[in-house]
Amino acid sequence: MKSAIKELIERIEQQIELSAHNKLGTNRTGDYRIGLNKALQLAFDALETEKQQIIDAANQDEFETLGGVTKGEYYYFKNYKKD
């Protein structure tokens, strides 16, 4: 399952790649890529927040560990980490 934030990250990375090879058909400058790189970093930060929210939500009902991993962490890695 791919989250919306991971989809956003992929789209930003594609724009950076296209811009670097001047394949956007525009006069984009290095400043454009700098802005995209900043947006990409913000998206990675949001991905970490999303991860913690998913883990917290899965842990909300009951707190148990499975081999030292919480139920929420197990749920996250099982459903999201493979992307």
PDB file of N, CA and C in Angstrom:
ATOM      1  N   MET A   1       0.853  -1.175   0.000  1.00  0.00           N
ATOM      2  CA  MET A   1       0.000   0.000   0.000  1.00  0.00           C
ATOM      3  C   MET A   1       0.897   1.236   0.000  1.00  0.00           C
ATOM      4  N   LYS A   2       0.627   2.143  -0.910  1.00  0.00           N
ATOM      5  CA  LYS A   2       1.426   3.363  -0.998  1.00  0.00           C
ATOM      6  C   LYS A   2       0.614   4.517  -0.412  1.00  0.00           C
ATOM      7  N   SER A   3       1.229   5.230   0.508  1.00  0.00           N
ATOM      8  CA  SER A   3       0.538   6.366   1.109  1.00  0.00           C
ATOM      9  C   SER A   3       0.570   7.563   0.159  1.00  0.00           C
ATOM     10  N   ALA A   4      -0.301   8.520   0.421  1.00  0.00           N
ATOM     11  CA  ALA A   4      -0.353   9.732  -0.396  1.00  0.00           C
ATOM     12  C   ALA A   4       0.963  10.496  -0.315  1.00  0.00           C
ATOM     13  N   ILE A   5       1.596  10.467   0.834  1.00  0.00           N
ATOM     14  CA  ILE A   5       2.867  11.190   0.991  1.00  0.00           C
ATOM     15  C   ILE A   5       3.962  10.524   0.162  1.00  0.00           C
ATOM     16  N   LYS A   6       3.972   9.189   0.120  1.00  0.00           N
ATOM     17  CA  LYS A   6       4.972   8.504  -0.710  1.00  0.00           C
ATOM     18  C   LYS A   6       4.733   8.808  -2.187  1.00  0.00           C
ATOM     19  N   GLU A   7       3.479   8.898  -2.586  1.00  0.00           N
ATOM     20  CA  GLU A   7       3.156   9.266  -3.966  1.00  0.00           C
ATOM     21  C   GLU A   7       3.658  10.684  -4.268  1.00  0.00           C
ATOM     22  N   LEU A   8       3.456  11.589  -3.332  1.00  0.00           N
ATOM     23  CA  LEU A   8       3.940  12.961  -3.491  1.00  0.00           C
ATOM     24  C   LEU A   8       5.461  12.985  -3.635  1.00  0.00           C
ATOM     25  N   ILE A   9       6.153  12.237  -2.813  1.00  0.00           N
ATOM     26  CA  ILE A   9       7.617  12.168  -2.876  1.00  0.00           C
ATOM     27  C   ILE A   9       8.064  11.691  -4.255  1.00  0.00           C
ATOM     28  N   GLU A  10       7.423  10.651  -4.767  1.00  0.00           N
ATOM     29  CA  GLU A  10       7.785  10.142  -6.091  1.00  0.00           C
ATOM     30  C   GLU A  10       7.565  11.193  -7.175  1.00  0.00           C
ATOM     31  N   ARG A  11       6.472  11.931  -7.082  1.00  0.00           N
ATOM     32  CA  ARG A  11       6.191  12.963  -8.083  1.00  0.00           C
ATOM     33  C   ARG A  11       7.198  14.102  -8.018  1.00  0.00           C
ATOM     34  N   ILE A  12       7.578  14.501  -6.826  1.00  0.00           N
ATOM     35  CA  ILE A  12       8.589  15.556  -6.689  1.00  0.00           C
ATOM     36  C   ILE A  12       9.923  15.073  -7.243  1.00  0.00           C
ATOM     37  N   GLU A  13      10.291  13.838  -6.929  1.00  0.00           N
ATOM     38  CA  GLU A  13      11.548  13.283  -7.439  1.00  0.00           C
ATOM     39  C   GLU A  13      11.540  13.235  -8.969  1.00  0.00           C
ATOM     40  N   GLN A  14      10.408  12.902  -9.564  1.00  0.00           N
ATOM     41  CA  GLN A  14      10.299  12.885 -11.024  1.00  0.00           C
ATOM     42  C   GLN A  14      10.493  14.279 -11.596  1.00  0.00           C
ATOM     43  N   GLN A  15       9.901  15.285 -10.955  1.00  0.00           N
ATOM     44  CA  GLN A  15      10.056  16.662 -11.424  1.00  0.00           C
ATOM     45  C   GLN A  15      11.507  17.121 -11.331  1.00  0.00           C
ATOM     46  N   ILE A  16      12.183  16.737 -10.256  1.00  0.00           N
ATOM     47  CA  ILE A  16      13.606  17.086 -10.103  1.00  0.00           C
ATOM     48  C   ILE A  16      14.413  16.456 -11.231  1.00  0.00           C
ATOM     49  N   GLU A  17      14.137  15.191 -11.506  1.00  0.00           N
ATOM     50  CA  GLU A  17      14.859  14.476 -12.568  1.00  0.00           C
ATOM     51  C   GLU A  17      14.601  15.113 -13.940  1.00  0.00           C
ATOM     52  N   LEU A  18      13.352  15.386 -14.232  1.00  0.00           N
ATOM     53  CA  LEU A  18      13.020  16.010 -15.516  1.00  0.00           C
ATOM     54  C   LEU A  18      13.647  17.398 -15.634  1.00  0.00           C
ATOM     55  N   SER A  19      13.610  18.155 -14.561  1.00  0.00           N
ATOM     56  CA  SER A  19      14.182  19.495 -14.568  1.00  0.00           C
ATOM     57  C   SER A  19      15.696  19.444 -14.762  1.00  0.00           C
ATOM     58  N   ALA A  20      16.343  18.485 -14.135  1.00  0.00           N
ATOM     59  CA  ALA A  20      17.797  18.366 -14.239  1.00  0.00           C
ATOM     60  C   ALA A  20      18.234  18.077 -15.676  1.00  0.00           C
ATOM     61  N   HIS A  21      17.378  17.408 -16.426  1.00  0.00           N
ATOM     62  CA  HIS A  21      17.710  17.064 -17.812  1.00  0.00           C
ATOM     63  C   HIS A  21      16.963  17.962 -18.810  1.00  0.00           C
ATOM     64  N   ASN A  22      16.422  19.074 -18.309  1.00  0.00           N
ATOM     65  CA  ASN A  22      15.721  20.068 -19.131  1.00  0.00           C
ATOM     66  C   ASN A  22      14.640  19.439 -20.009  1.00  0.00           C
ATOM     67  N   LYS A  23      13.858  18.528 -19.418  1.00  0.00           N
ATOM     68  CA  LYS A  23      12.811  17.832 -20.168  1.00  0.00           C
ATOM     69  C   LYS A  23      11.410  18.311 -19.801  1.00  0.00           C
ATOM     70  N   LEU A  24      11.318  19.454 -19.158  1.00  0.00           N
ATOM     71  CA  LEU A  24      10.010  19.995 -18.797  1.00  0.00           C
ATOM     72  C   LEU A  24       9.454  20.914 -19.874  1.00  0.00           C
ATOM     73  N   GLY A  25      10.290  21.284 -20.837  1.00  0.00           N
ATOM     74  CA  GLY A  25       9.850  22.180 -21.895  1.00  0.00           C
ATOM     75  C   GLY A  25       9.665  23.614 -21.430  1.00  0.00           C
ATOM     76  N   THR A  26      10.314  23.962 -20.344  1.00  0.00           N
ATOM     77  CA  THR A  26      10.221  25.318 -19.805  1.00  0.00           C
ATOM     78  C   THR A  26      11.618  25.844 -19.539  1.00  0.00           C
ATOM     79  N   ASN A  27      11.698  27.081 -19.120  1.00  0.00           N
ATOM     80  CA  ASN A  27      12.972  27.695 -18.761  1.00  0.00           C
ATOM     81  C   ASN A  27      13.212  27.586 -17.258  1.00  0.00           C
ATOM     82  N   ARG A  28      13.059  26.449 -16.694  1.00  0.00           N
ATOM     83  CA  ARG A  28      13.261  26.272 -15.255  1.00  0.00           C
ATOM     84  C   ARG A  28      14.739  26.412 -14.937  1.00  0.00           C
ATOM     85  N   THR A  29      15.029  27.087 -13.842  1.00  0.00           N
ATOM     86  CA  THR A  29      16.417  27.303 -13.437  1.00  0.00           C
ATOM     87  C   THR A  29      16.782  26.405 -12.266  1.00  0.00           C
ATOM     88  N   GLY A  30      18.002  26.532 -11.830  1.00  0.00           N
ATOM     89  CA  GLY A  30      18.459  25.788 -10.657  1.00  0.00           C
ATOM     90  C   GLY A  30      17.661  26.143  -9.418  1.00  0.00           C
ATOM     91  N   ASP A  31      17.142  27.364  -9.365  1.00  0.00           N
ATOM     92  CA  ASP A  31      16.306  27.769  -8.228  1.00  0.00           C
ATOM     93  C   ASP A  31      15.060  26.899  -8.125  1.00  0.00           C
ATOM     94  N   TYR A  32      14.524  26.508  -9.268  1.00  0.00           N
ATOM     95  CA  TYR A  32      13.352  25.636  -9.293  1.00  0.00           C
ATOM     96  C   TYR A  32      13.681  24.309  -8.618  1.00  0.00           C
ATOM     97  N   ARG A  33      14.838  23.724  -8.960  1.00  0.00           N
ATOM     98  CA  ARG A  33      15.246  22.443  -8.354  1.00  0.00           C
ATOM     99  C   ARG A  33      15.529  22.607  -6.866  1.00  0.00           C
ATOM    100  N   ILE A  34      16.081  23.761  -6.485  1.00  0.00           N
ATOM    101  CA  ILE A  34      16.317  24.018  -5.063  1.00  0.00           C
ATOM    102  C   ILE A  34      14.987  24.015  -4.326  1.00  0.00           C
ATOM    103  N   GLY A  35      13.983  24.671  -4.895  1.00  0.00           N
ATOM    104  CA  GLY A  35      12.650  24.687  -4.291  1.00  0.00           C
ATOM    105  C   GLY A  35      12.054  23.293  -4.210  1.00  0.00           C
ATOM    106  N   LEU A  36      12.233  22.505  -5.270  1.00  0.00           N
ATOM    107  CA  LEU A  36      11.727  21.133  -5.258  1.00  0.00           C
ATOM    108  C   LEU A  36      12.436  20.294  -4.198  1.00  0.00           C
ATOM    109  N   ASN A  37      13.735  20.506  -4.053  1.00  0.00           N
ATOM    110  CA  ASN A  37      14.473  19.756  -3.034  1.00  0.00           C
ATOM    111  C   ASN A  37      14.009  20.115  -1.621  1.00  0.00           C
ATOM    112  N   LYS A  38      13.680  21.391  -1.406  1.00  0.00           N
ATOM    113  CA  LYS A  38      13.141  21.794  -0.107  1.00  0.00           C
ATOM    114  C   LYS A  38      11.776  21.155   0.120  1.00  0.00           C
ATOM    115  N   ALA A  39      10.937  21.144  -0.929  1.00  0.00           N
ATOM    116  CA  ALA A  39       9.622  20.496  -0.835  1.00  0.00           C
ATOM    117  C   ALA A  39       9.780  19.001  -0.566  1.00  0.00           C
ATOM    118  N   LEU A  40      10.773  18.387  -1.181  1.00  0.00           N
ATOM    119  CA  LEU A  40      11.028  16.968  -0.972  1.00  0.00           C
ATOM    120  C   LEU A  40      11.406  16.696   0.479  1.00  0.00           C
ATOM    121  N   GLN A  41      12.241  17.538   1.066  1.00  0.00           N
ATOM    122  CA  GLN A  41      12.623  17.364   2.464  1.00  0.00           C
ATOM    123  C   GLN A  41      11.413  17.505   3.382  1.00  0.00           C
ATOM    124  N   LEU A  42      10.553  18.473   3.087  1.00  0.00           N
ATOM    125  CA  LEU A  42       9.328  18.631   3.882  1.00  0.00           C
ATOM    126  C   LEU A  42       8.438  17.397   3.757  1.00  0.00           C
ATOM    127  N   ALA A  43       8.366  16.828   2.564  1.00  0.00           N
ATOM    128  CA  ALA A  43       7.557  15.626   2.364  1.00  0.00           C
ATOM    129  C   ALA A  43       8.140  14.450   3.149  1.00  0.00           C
ATOM    130  N   PHE A  44       9.468  14.321   3.188  1.00  0.00           N
ATOM    131  CA  PHE A  44      10.090  13.254   3.985  1.00  0.00           C
ATOM    132  C   PHE A  44       9.802  13.451   5.475  1.00  0.00           C
ATOM    133  N   ASP A  45       9.816  14.706   5.927  1.00  0.00           N
ATOM    134  CA  ASP A  45       9.466  14.996   7.317  1.00  0.00           C
ATOM    135  C   ASP A  45       8.017  14.593   7.601  1.00  0.00           C
ATOM    136  N   ALA A  46       7.123  14.902   6.658  1.00  0.00           N
ATOM    137  CA  ALA A  46       5.712  14.535   6.810  1.00  0.00           C
ATOM    138  C   ALA A  46       5.540  13.019   6.802  1.00  0.00           C
ATOM    139  N   LEU A  47       6.366  12.315   6.048  1.00  0.00           N
ATOM    140  CA  LEU A  47       6.308  10.856   6.007  1.00  0.00           C
ATOM    141  C   LEU A  47       6.639  10.263   7.377  1.00  0.00           C
ATOM    142  N   GLU A  48       7.617  10.840   8.055  1.00  0.00           N
ATOM    143  CA  GLU A  48       7.956  10.383   9.408  1.00  0.00           C
ATOM    144  C   GLU A  48       6.799  10.635  10.375  1.00  0.00           C
ATOM    145  N   THR A  49       6.162  11.794  10.246  1.00  0.00           N
ATOM    146  CA  THR A  49       4.999  12.102  11.090  1.00  0.00           C
ATOM    147  C   THR A  49       3.869  11.120  10.807  1.00  0.00           C
ATOM    148  N   GLU A  50       3.622  10.857   9.530  1.00  0.00           N
ATOM    149  CA  GLU A  50       2.581   9.906   9.146  1.00  0.00           C
ATOM    150  C   GLU A  50       2.864   8.523   9.735  1.00  0.00           C
ATOM    151  N   LYS A  51       4.111   8.102   9.655  1.00  0.00           N
ATOM    152  CA  LYS A  51       4.501   6.799  10.204  1.00  0.00           C
ATOM    153  C   LYS A  51       4.155   6.731  11.687  1.00  0.00           C
ATOM    154  N   GLN A  52       4.517   7.755  12.431  1.00  0.00           N
ATOM    155  CA  GLN A  52       4.248   7.750  13.877  1.00  0.00           C
ATOM    156  C   GLN A  52       2.750   7.770  14.151  1.00  0.00           C
ATOM    157  N   GLN A  53       1.975   8.487  13.347  1.00  0.00           N
ATOM    158  CA  GLN A  53       0.521   8.516  13.529  1.00  0.00           C
ATOM    159  C   GLN A  53      -0.093   7.143  13.287  1.00  0.00           C
ATOM    160  N   ILE A  54       0.397   6.431  12.278  1.00  0.00           N
ATOM    161  CA  ILE A  54      -0.111   5.083  11.982  1.00  0.00           C
ATOM    162  C   ILE A  54       0.219   4.146  13.134  1.00  0.00           C
ATOM    163  N   ILE A  55       1.446   4.224  13.630  1.00  0.00           N
ATOM    164  CA  ILE A  55       1.861   3.368  14.747  1.00  0.00           C
ATOM    165  C   ILE A  55       1.034   3.684  15.984  1.00  0.00           C
ATOM    166  N   ASP A  56       0.851   4.974  16.280  1.00  0.00           N
ATOM    167  CA  ASP A  56       0.062   5.368  17.455  1.00  0.00           C
ATOM    168  C   ASP A  56      -1.380   4.900  17.338  1.00  0.00           C
ATOM    169  N   ALA A  57      -1.970   5.014  16.155  1.00  0.00           N
ATOM    170  CA  ALA A  57      -3.359   4.586  15.958  1.00  0.00           C
ATOM    171  C   ALA A  57      -3.502   3.078  16.149  1.00  0.00           C
ATOM    172  N   ALA A  58      -2.537   2.328  15.641  1.00  0.00           N
ATOM    173  CA  ALA A  58      -2.602   0.871  15.784  1.00  0.00           C
ATOM    174  C   ALA A  58      -2.363   0.440  17.223  1.00  0.00           C
ATOM    175  N   ASN A  59      -1.624   1.225  17.977  1.00  0.00           N
ATOM    176  CA  ASN A  59      -1.355   0.906  19.383  1.00  0.00           C
ATOM    177  C   ASN A  59      -2.478   1.369  20.307  1.00  0.00           C
ATOM    178  N   GLN A  60      -3.407   2.148  19.813  1.00  0.00           N
ATOM    179  CA  GLN A  60      -4.410   2.787  20.659  1.00  0.00           C
ATOM    180  C   GLN A  60      -5.278   1.782  21.417  1.00  0.00           C
ATOM    181  N   ASP A  61      -5.700   0.717  20.777  1.00  0.00           N
ATOM    182  CA  ASP A  61      -6.588  -0.246  21.428  1.00  0.00           C
ATOM    183  C   ASP A  61      -5.918  -0.966  22.588  1.00  0.00           C
ATOM    184  N   GLU A  62      -4.764  -1.504  22.336  1.00  0.00           N
ATOM    185  CA  GLU A  62      -4.037  -2.182  23.408  1.00  0.00           C
ATOM    186  C   GLU A  62      -2.553  -2.153  23.080  1.00  0.00           C
ATOM    187  N   PHE A  63      -1.766  -2.094  24.112  1.00  0.00           N
ATOM    188  CA  PHE A  63      -0.329  -2.032  23.925  1.00  0.00           C
ATOM    189  C   PHE A  63       0.247  -3.411  24.192  1.00  0.00           C
ATOM    190  N   GLU A  64       0.757  -4.001  23.154  1.00  0.00           N
ATOM    191  CA  GLU A  64       1.423  -5.283  23.312  1.00  0.00           C
ATOM    192  C   GLU A  64       2.638  -5.305  22.408  1.00  0.00           C
ATOM    193  N   THR A  65       3.588  -6.142  22.738  1.00  0.00           N
ATOM    194  CA  THR A  65       4.770  -6.241  21.888  1.00  0.00           C
ATOM    195  C   THR A  65       4.822  -7.628  21.273  1.00  0.00           C
ATOM    196  N   LEU A  66       5.373  -7.659  20.102  1.00  0.00           N
ATOM    197  CA  LEU A  66       5.567  -8.910  19.376  1.00  0.00           C
ATOM    198  C   LEU A  66       7.063  -9.024  19.119  1.00  0.00           C
ATOM    199  N   GLY A  67       7.743  -9.740  19.954  1.00  0.00           N
ATOM    200  CA  GLY A  67       9.186  -9.857  19.805  1.00  0.00           C
ATOM    201  C   GLY A  67       9.907  -8.538  19.983  1.00  0.00           C
ATOM    202  N   GLY A  68       9.439  -7.693  20.903  1.00  0.00           N
ATOM    203  CA  GLY A  68      10.071  -6.406  21.159  1.00  0.00           C
ATOM    204  C   GLY A  68       9.574  -5.284  20.265  1.00  0.00           C
ATOM    205  N   VAL A  69       8.663  -5.599  19.360  1.00  0.00           N
ATOM    206  CA  VAL A  69       8.092  -4.599  18.457  1.00  0.00           C
ATOM    207  C   VAL A  69       6.636  -4.401  18.859  1.00  0.00           C
ATOM    208  N   THR A  70       6.209  -3.145  18.966  1.00  0.00           N
ATOM    209  CA  THR A  70       4.819  -2.903  19.340  1.00  0.00           C
ATOM    210  C   THR A  70       3.889  -3.323  18.208  1.00  0.00           C
ATOM    211  N   LYS A  71       2.644  -3.529  18.556  1.00  0.00           N
ATOM    212  CA  LYS A  71       1.644  -3.911  17.566  1.00  0.00           C
ATOM    213  C   LYS A  71       1.569  -2.853  16.458  1.00  0.00           C
ATOM    214  N   GLY A  72       1.647  -1.582  16.845  1.00  0.00           N
ATOM    215  CA  GLY A  72       1.600  -0.505  15.862  1.00  0.00           C
ATOM    216  C   GLY A  72       2.791  -0.521  14.917  1.00  0.00           C
ATOM    217  N   GLU A  73       3.975  -0.746  15.448  1.00  0.00           N
ATOM    218  CA  GLU A  73       5.168  -0.822  14.602  1.00  0.00           C
ATOM    219  C   GLU A  73       5.064  -2.004  13.641  1.00  0.00           C
ATOM    220  N   TYR A  74       4.590  -3.136  14.163  1.00  0.00           N
ATOM    221  CA  TYR A  74       4.403  -4.317  13.323  1.00  0.00           C
ATOM    222  C   TYR A  74       3.432  -3.998  12.190  1.00  0.00           C
ATOM    223  N   TYR A  75       2.305  -3.356  12.507  1.00  0.00           N
ATOM    224  CA  TYR A  75       1.302  -2.998  11.508  1.00  0.00           C
ATOM    225  C   TYR A  75       1.898  -2.080  10.441  1.00  0.00           C
ATOM    226  N   TYR A  76       2.645  -1.070  10.873  1.00  0.00           N
ATOM    227  CA  TYR A  76       3.239  -0.132   9.924  1.00  0.00           C
ATOM    228  C   TYR A  76       4.201  -0.842   8.982  1.00  0.00           C
ATOM    229  N   PHE A  77       5.126  -1.592   9.532  1.00  0.00           N
ATOM    230  CA  PHE A  77       6.136  -2.235   8.691  1.00  0.00           C
ATOM    231  C   PHE A  77       5.525  -3.291   7.768  1.00  0.00           C
ATOM    232  N   LYS A  78       4.492  -3.967   8.255  1.00  0.00           N
ATOM    233  CA  LYS A  78       3.823  -4.977   7.439  1.00  0.00           C
ATOM    234  C   LYS A  78       3.083  -4.338   6.260  1.00  0.00           C
ATOM    235  N   ASN A  79       2.457  -3.189   6.483  1.00  0.00           N
ATOM    236  CA  ASN A  79       1.585  -2.598   5.468  1.00  0.00           C
ATOM    237  C   ASN A  79       2.213  -1.458   4.664  1.00  0.00           C
ATOM    238  N   TYR A  80       3.226  -0.787   5.192  1.00  0.00           N
ATOM    239  CA  TYR A  80       3.731   0.411   4.516  1.00  0.00           C
ATOM    240  C   TYR A  80       5.208   0.359   4.172  1.00  0.00           C
ATOM    241  N   LYS A  81       6.011  -0.336   4.905  1.00  0.00           N
ATOM    242  CA  LYS A  81       7.459  -0.263   4.724  1.00  0.00           C
ATOM    243  C   LYS A  81       7.919  -0.867   3.401  1.00  0.00           C
ATOM    244  N   LYS A  82       7.148  -1.756   2.807  1.00  0.00           N
ATOM    245  CA  LYS A  82       7.592  -2.418   1.585  1.00  0.00           C
ATOM    246  C   LYS A  82       7.642  -1.509   0.371  1.00  0.00           C
ATOM    247  N   ASP A  83       7.043  -0.303   0.459  1.00  0.00           N
ATOM    248  CA  ASP A  83       7.075   0.636  -0.666  1.00  0.00           C
ATOM    249  C   ASP A  83       8.404   1.342  -0.740  1.00  0.00           C
TER     250      ASP A  83
END
